[in-house]
Each structure stands twice: as C-alpha cells, then as structure tokens.
C-alpha cells in the first residue's frame, strides 16, 4: 500500500531543506531551497565564484569580430574574437556608467558602443572613442578604461 504524504510548505527552515532517510533509501530536497535568496547567494559565492566556468568554445566565434553575449554564473559576458584573432571574454558593461555594450545575443562587429554616452570599444576591449574626451579632465586615462576581461 502506498501512502501519500502532504508536501512540505515552501517556507521550510534550512534544516528541513534536505531530508535523507537512509533506511528507506530516500533523499529529498525541499522546493524552498530552490527559491531561497540566501541559498542562491551562498551557491553563487561557494560554487560559481570559486571555479572556472564554461563561456563557450572558440568554434562558436570562428571569424575576427564574431561575438556571443551570454550570462554565465549570473554575470553578463561577451565572448569576442578580436580582429587580432584572439578570443577574449569581457564583462558586458561600459566602464563609464555600467550600461551594456552588447545588446544582441550574437553577431560580427568591429566595435561595440554603449548606448548611454557612446563610449566605443574595439575587439581587444580597448576604449577607442568617446565624445568630448576633453570634458573628462586632464587626468582622464583612456588606457585604464578598457572593458574588464573575465
């Protein structure tokens, strides 16, 4: 005879998230663990922040200028083959105000521009252009404002 048990509520405490009964041969994960913000942050920190993550294979971007934008480990990234032939991974974030520089999932381009203030980056990640550079003051260092490589 099979006895059906009422499922545990989604508000279970952390001690109820995993229930293992060795004698019965069962191992259950409460669904609350799959939606809890604290669990998510802990997993991101203890798993995804500590190891290599697969972004893609170089065959996905075979030609110079080819790119793929994707989120990996909760990070927005651009996987881009430079016009020098080198595959690089950058955070998909303008160094000026943090807006995305790549807003399409894939393609081929010589440069990417932030829609916010039109900072333009080349396929090596270098900041190639920005309007009114003189307005940023005499200490502005363009070389230090390249896209951040992952």
C-alpha atoms as a PDB file:
ATOM      1  CA  UNK A   1       0.000   0.000   0.000  1.00  0.00           C
ATOM      2  CA  UNK A   2       1.356   3.418  -0.949  1.00  0.00           C
ATOM      3  CA  UNK A   3       0.875   6.275   1.478  1.00  0.00           C
ATOM      4  CA  UNK A   4       0.939   9.754   0.005  1.00  0.00           C
ATOM      5  CA  UNK A   5       2.390  12.444   2.208  1.00  0.00           C
ATOM      6  CA  UNK A   6       1.437  16.062   2.071  1.00  0.00           C
ATOM      7  CA  UNK A   7       4.369  18.043   0.591  1.00  0.00           C
ATOM      8  CA  UNK A   8       6.252  20.307   2.953  1.00  0.00           C
ATOM      9  CA  UNK A   9       5.450  24.009   2.631  1.00  0.00           C
ATOM     10  CA  UNK A  10       7.775  26.223   0.610  1.00  0.00           C
ATOM     11  CA  UNK A  11       8.569  28.128   3.791  1.00  0.00           C
ATOM     12  CA  UNK A  12      10.530  25.262   5.379  1.00  0.00           C
ATOM     13  CA  UNK A  13      13.524  26.149   7.532  1.00  0.00           C
ATOM     14  CA  UNK A  14      17.058  25.442   6.260  1.00  0.00           C
ATOM     15  CA  UNK A  15      17.258  22.310   8.436  1.00  0.00           C
ATOM     16  CA  UNK A  16      14.278  20.867   6.512  1.00  0.00           C
ATOM     17  CA  UNK A  17      15.636  21.611   3.034  1.00  0.00           C
ATOM     18  CA  UNK A  18      17.310  18.241   2.600  1.00  0.00           C
ATOM     19  CA  UNK A  19      15.787  15.156   4.176  1.00  0.00           C
ATOM     20  CA  UNK A  20      17.638  11.875   3.840  1.00  0.00           C
ATOM     21  CA  UNK A  21      16.251   8.611   5.142  1.00  0.00           C
ATOM     22  CA  UNK A  22      18.969   6.006   4.627  1.00  0.00           C
ATOM     23  CA  UNK A  23      16.863   3.065   5.755  1.00  0.00           C
ATOM     24  CA  UNK A  24      14.092   3.987   3.331  1.00  0.00           C
ATOM     25  CA  UNK A  25      16.599   4.858   0.610  1.00  0.00           C
ATOM     26  CA  UNK A  26      15.181   8.343   0.060  1.00  0.00           C
ATOM     27  CA  UNK A  27      16.829  11.698  -0.404  1.00  0.00           C
ATOM     28  CA  UNK A  28      14.524  14.681  -0.869  1.00  0.00           C
ATOM     29  CA  UNK A  29      15.204  18.360  -1.452  1.00  0.00           C
ATOM     30  CA  UNK A  30      12.504  20.741  -0.344  1.00  0.00           C
ATOM     31  CA  UNK A  31      11.494  23.143  -3.111  1.00  0.00           C
ATOM     32  CA  UNK A  32      12.053  26.099  -0.783  1.00  0.00           C
ATOM     33  CA  UNK A  33      15.801  25.575  -1.218  1.00  0.00           C
ATOM     34  CA  UNK A  34      15.403  26.200  -4.945  1.00  0.00           C
ATOM     35  CA  UNK A  35      13.791  29.611  -4.473  1.00  0.00           C
ATOM     36  CA  UNK A  36      15.515  30.965  -1.370  1.00  0.00           C
ATOM     37  CA  UNK A  37      17.625  34.106  -1.973  1.00  0.00           C
ATOM     38  CA  UNK A  38      20.131  33.204   0.768  1.00  0.00           C
ATOM     39  CA  UNK A  39      20.706  29.768  -0.743  1.00  0.00           C
ATOM     40  CA  UNK A  40      21.176  31.348  -4.162  1.00  0.00           C
ATOM     41  CA  UNK A  41      23.761  33.851  -2.877  1.00  0.00           C
ATOM     42  CA  UNK A  42      25.610  31.109  -0.963  1.00  0.00           C
ATOM     43  CA  UNK A  43      25.724  28.866  -4.042  1.00  0.00           C
ATOM     44  CA  UNK A  44      26.912  31.698  -6.270  1.00  0.00           C
ATOM     45  CA  UNK A  45      29.708  32.504  -3.820  1.00  0.00           C
ATOM     46  CA  UNK A  46      30.748  28.950  -2.906  1.00  0.00           C
ATOM     47  CA  UNK A  47      30.396  27.359  -6.358  1.00  0.00           C
ATOM     48  CA  UNK A  48      30.408  29.882  -9.182  1.00  0.00           C
ATOM     49  CA  UNK A  49      32.867  32.362  -7.664  1.00  0.00           C
ATOM     50  CA  UNK A  50      35.480  29.671  -6.955  1.00  0.00           C
ATOM     51  CA  UNK A  51      35.943  27.736 -10.172  1.00  0.00           C
ATOM     52  CA  UNK A  52      36.343  28.014 -13.910  1.00  0.00           C
ATOM     53  CA  UNK A  53      33.077  28.450 -15.784  1.00  0.00           C
ATOM     54  CA  UNK A  54      32.453  27.451 -19.379  1.00  0.00           C
ATOM     55  CA  UNK A  55      31.687  30.502 -21.505  1.00  0.00           C
ATOM     56  CA  UNK A  56      31.911  28.881 -24.908  1.00  0.00           C
ATOM     57  CA  UNK A  57      34.112  27.123 -27.416  1.00  0.00           C
ATOM     58  CA  UNK A  58      36.258  29.116 -29.823  1.00  0.00           C
ATOM     59  CA  UNK A  59      34.499  27.378 -32.727  1.00  0.00           C
ATOM     60  CA  UNK A  60      31.395  29.430 -31.851  1.00  0.00           C
ATOM     61  CA  UNK A  61      33.220  32.601 -32.905  1.00  0.00           C
ATOM     62  CA  UNK A  62      35.331  31.465 -35.891  1.00  0.00           C
ATOM     63  CA  UNK A  63      35.887  34.797 -37.692  1.00  0.00           C
ATOM     64  CA  UNK A  64      37.501  38.001 -36.431  1.00  0.00           C
ATOM     65  CA  UNK A  65      34.761  40.199 -34.977  1.00  0.00           C
ATOM     66  CA  UNK A  66      32.408  37.305 -34.179  1.00  0.00           C
ATOM     67  CA  UNK A  67      30.862  37.503 -30.718  1.00  0.00           C
ATOM     68  CA  UNK A  68      28.338  35.844 -28.437  1.00  0.00           C
ATOM     69  CA  UNK A  69      26.770  37.577 -25.446  1.00  0.00           C
ATOM     70  CA  UNK A  70      25.592  35.397 -22.589  1.00  0.00           C
ATOM     71  CA  UNK A  71      25.139  35.265 -18.851  1.00  0.00           C
ATOM     72  CA  UNK A  72      27.401  32.817 -17.064  1.00  0.00           C
ATOM     73  CA  UNK A  73      27.275  32.394 -13.307  1.00  0.00           C
ATOM     74  CA  UNK A  74      24.962  35.407 -13.106  1.00  0.00           C
ATOM     75  CA  UNK A  75      27.494  37.599 -14.938  1.00  0.00           C
ATOM     76  CA  UNK A  76      26.727  39.329 -18.251  1.00  0.00           C
ATOM     77  CA  UNK A  77      29.634  38.489 -20.578  1.00  0.00           C
ATOM     78  CA  UNK A  78      30.713  38.974 -24.188  1.00  0.00           C
ATOM     79  CA  UNK A  79      32.785  36.208 -25.790  1.00  0.00           C
ATOM     80  CA  UNK A  80      34.502  38.030 -28.694  1.00  0.00           C
ATOM     81  CA  UNK A  81      37.151  37.055 -31.240  1.00  0.00           C
ATOM     82  CA  UNK A  82      39.343  40.066 -31.750  1.00  0.00           C
ATOM     83  CA  UNK A  83      40.494  41.271 -35.127  1.00  0.00           C
ATOM     84  CA  UNK A  84      43.915  40.087 -33.966  1.00  0.00           C
ATOM     85  CA  UNK A  85      42.472  36.523 -33.870  1.00  0.00           C
ATOM     86  CA  UNK A  86      42.497  36.235 -30.050  1.00  0.00           C
ATOM     87  CA  UNK A  87      39.348  35.024 -28.238  1.00  0.00           C
ATOM     88  CA  UNK A  88      38.535  37.116 -25.171  1.00  0.00           C
ATOM     89  CA  UNK A  89      35.778  37.326 -22.585  1.00  0.00           C
ATOM     90  CA  UNK A  90      34.690  40.713 -21.277  1.00  0.00           C
ATOM     91  CA  UNK A  91      32.104  41.853 -18.800  1.00  0.00           C
ATOM     92  CA  UNK A  92      29.236  43.251 -20.858  1.00  0.00           C
ATOM     93  CA  UNK A  93      29.455  46.560 -19.048  1.00  0.00           C
ATOM     94  CA  UNK A  94      30.639  50.008 -20.084  1.00  0.00           C
ATOM     95  CA  UNK A  95      33.360  51.349 -17.805  1.00  0.00           C
ATOM     96  CA  UNK A  96      31.672  54.747 -17.674  1.00  0.00           C
ATOM     97  CA  UNK A  97      28.189  54.075 -16.315  1.00  0.00           C
ATOM     98  CA  UNK A  98      27.872  50.283 -16.437  1.00  0.00           C
ATOM     99  CA  UNK A  99      25.332  50.021 -19.262  1.00  0.00           C
ATOM    100  CA  UNK A 100      25.547  47.014 -21.549  1.00  0.00           C
ATOM    101  CA  UNK A 101      27.808  47.458 -24.581  1.00  0.00           C
ATOM    102  CA  UNK A 102      26.374  44.444 -26.397  1.00  0.00           C
ATOM    103  CA  UNK A 103      22.597  44.267 -26.613  1.00  0.00           C
ATOM    104  CA  UNK A 104      22.188  41.439 -29.122  1.00  0.00           C
ATOM    105  CA  UNK A 105      22.950  37.741 -28.498  1.00  0.00           C
ATOM    106  CA  UNK A 106      25.446  37.224 -31.326  1.00  0.00           C
ATOM    107  CA  UNK A 107      26.922  38.699 -34.470  1.00  0.00           C
ATOM    108  CA  UNK A 108      30.037  40.178 -36.008  1.00  0.00           C
ATOM    109  CA  UNK A 109      31.310  43.679 -35.391  1.00  0.00           C
ATOM    110  CA  UNK A 110      34.410  45.811 -35.350  1.00  0.00           C
ATOM    111  CA  UNK A 111      33.366  47.677 -32.208  1.00  0.00           C
ATOM    112  CA  UNK A 112      30.680  47.901 -29.553  1.00  0.00           C
ATOM    113  CA  UNK A 113      29.192  51.122 -28.247  1.00  0.00           C
ATOM    114  CA  UNK A 114      27.435  51.969 -25.041  1.00  0.00           C
ATOM    115  CA  UNK A 115      24.056  53.477 -25.878  1.00  0.00           C
ATOM    116  CA  UNK A 116      24.193  55.702 -22.805  1.00  0.00           C
ATOM    117  CA  UNK A 117      27.123  58.037 -23.633  1.00  0.00           C
ATOM    118  CA  UNK A 118      28.534  56.415 -26.802  1.00  0.00           C
ATOM    119  CA  UNK A 119      31.792  55.095 -25.392  1.00  0.00           C
ATOM    120  CA  UNK A 120      33.135  52.770 -28.090  1.00  0.00           C
ATOM    121  CA  UNK A 121      35.270  49.684 -27.524  1.00  0.00           C
ATOM    122  CA  UNK A 122      37.291  47.687 -30.037  1.00  0.00           C
ATOM    123  CA  UNK A 123      37.533  43.912 -30.182  1.00  0.00           C
ATOM    124  CA  UNK A 124      40.600  43.907 -27.914  1.00  0.00           C
ATOM    125  CA  UNK A 125      38.493  45.660 -25.269  1.00  0.00           C
ATOM    126  CA  UNK A 126      40.305  48.973 -25.630  1.00  0.00           C
ATOM    127  CA  UNK A 127      38.310  52.174 -25.296  1.00  0.00           C
ATOM    128  CA  UNK A 128      38.625  53.517 -28.835  1.00  0.00           C
ATOM    129  CA  UNK A 129      36.386  56.526 -28.703  1.00  0.00           C
ATOM    130  CA  UNK A 130      34.212  58.754 -26.593  1.00  0.00           C
ATOM    131  CA  UNK A 131      32.542  62.043 -27.303  1.00  0.00           C
ATOM    132  CA  UNK A 132      34.084  65.190 -25.844  1.00  0.00           C
ATOM    133  CA  UNK A 133      37.071  63.469 -24.265  1.00  0.00           C
ATOM    134  CA  UNK A 134      38.420  66.844 -23.133  1.00  0.00           C
ATOM    135  CA  UNK A 135      35.375  67.141 -20.857  1.00  0.00           C
ATOM    136  CA  UNK A 136      36.688  64.331 -18.648  1.00  0.00           C
ATOM    137  CA  UNK A 137      39.586  66.454 -17.438  1.00  0.00           C
ATOM    138  CA  UNK A 138      43.384  66.352 -17.740  1.00  0.00           C
ATOM    139  CA  UNK A 139      43.813  63.236 -15.576  1.00  0.00           C
ATOM    140  CA  UNK A 140      41.466  61.079 -17.666  1.00  0.00           C
ATOM    141  CA  UNK A 141      43.355  57.926 -18.684  1.00  0.00           C
ATOM    142  CA  UNK A 142      41.703  56.261 -21.662  1.00  0.00           C
ATOM    143  CA  UNK A 143      44.009  53.212 -21.386  1.00  0.00           C
ATOM    144  CA  UNK A 144      42.675  52.413 -17.913  1.00  0.00           C
ATOM    145  CA  UNK A 145      39.071  52.387 -19.130  1.00  0.00           C
ATOM    146  CA  UNK A 146      39.147  49.266 -21.332  1.00  0.00           C
ATOM    147  CA  UNK A 147      36.453  46.649 -20.967  1.00  0.00           C
ATOM    148  CA  UNK A 148      37.129  44.396 -17.994  1.00  0.00           C
ATOM    149  CA  UNK A 149      38.353  40.967 -19.053  1.00  0.00           C
ATOM    150  CA  UNK A 150      36.992  37.956 -17.232  1.00  0.00           C
END
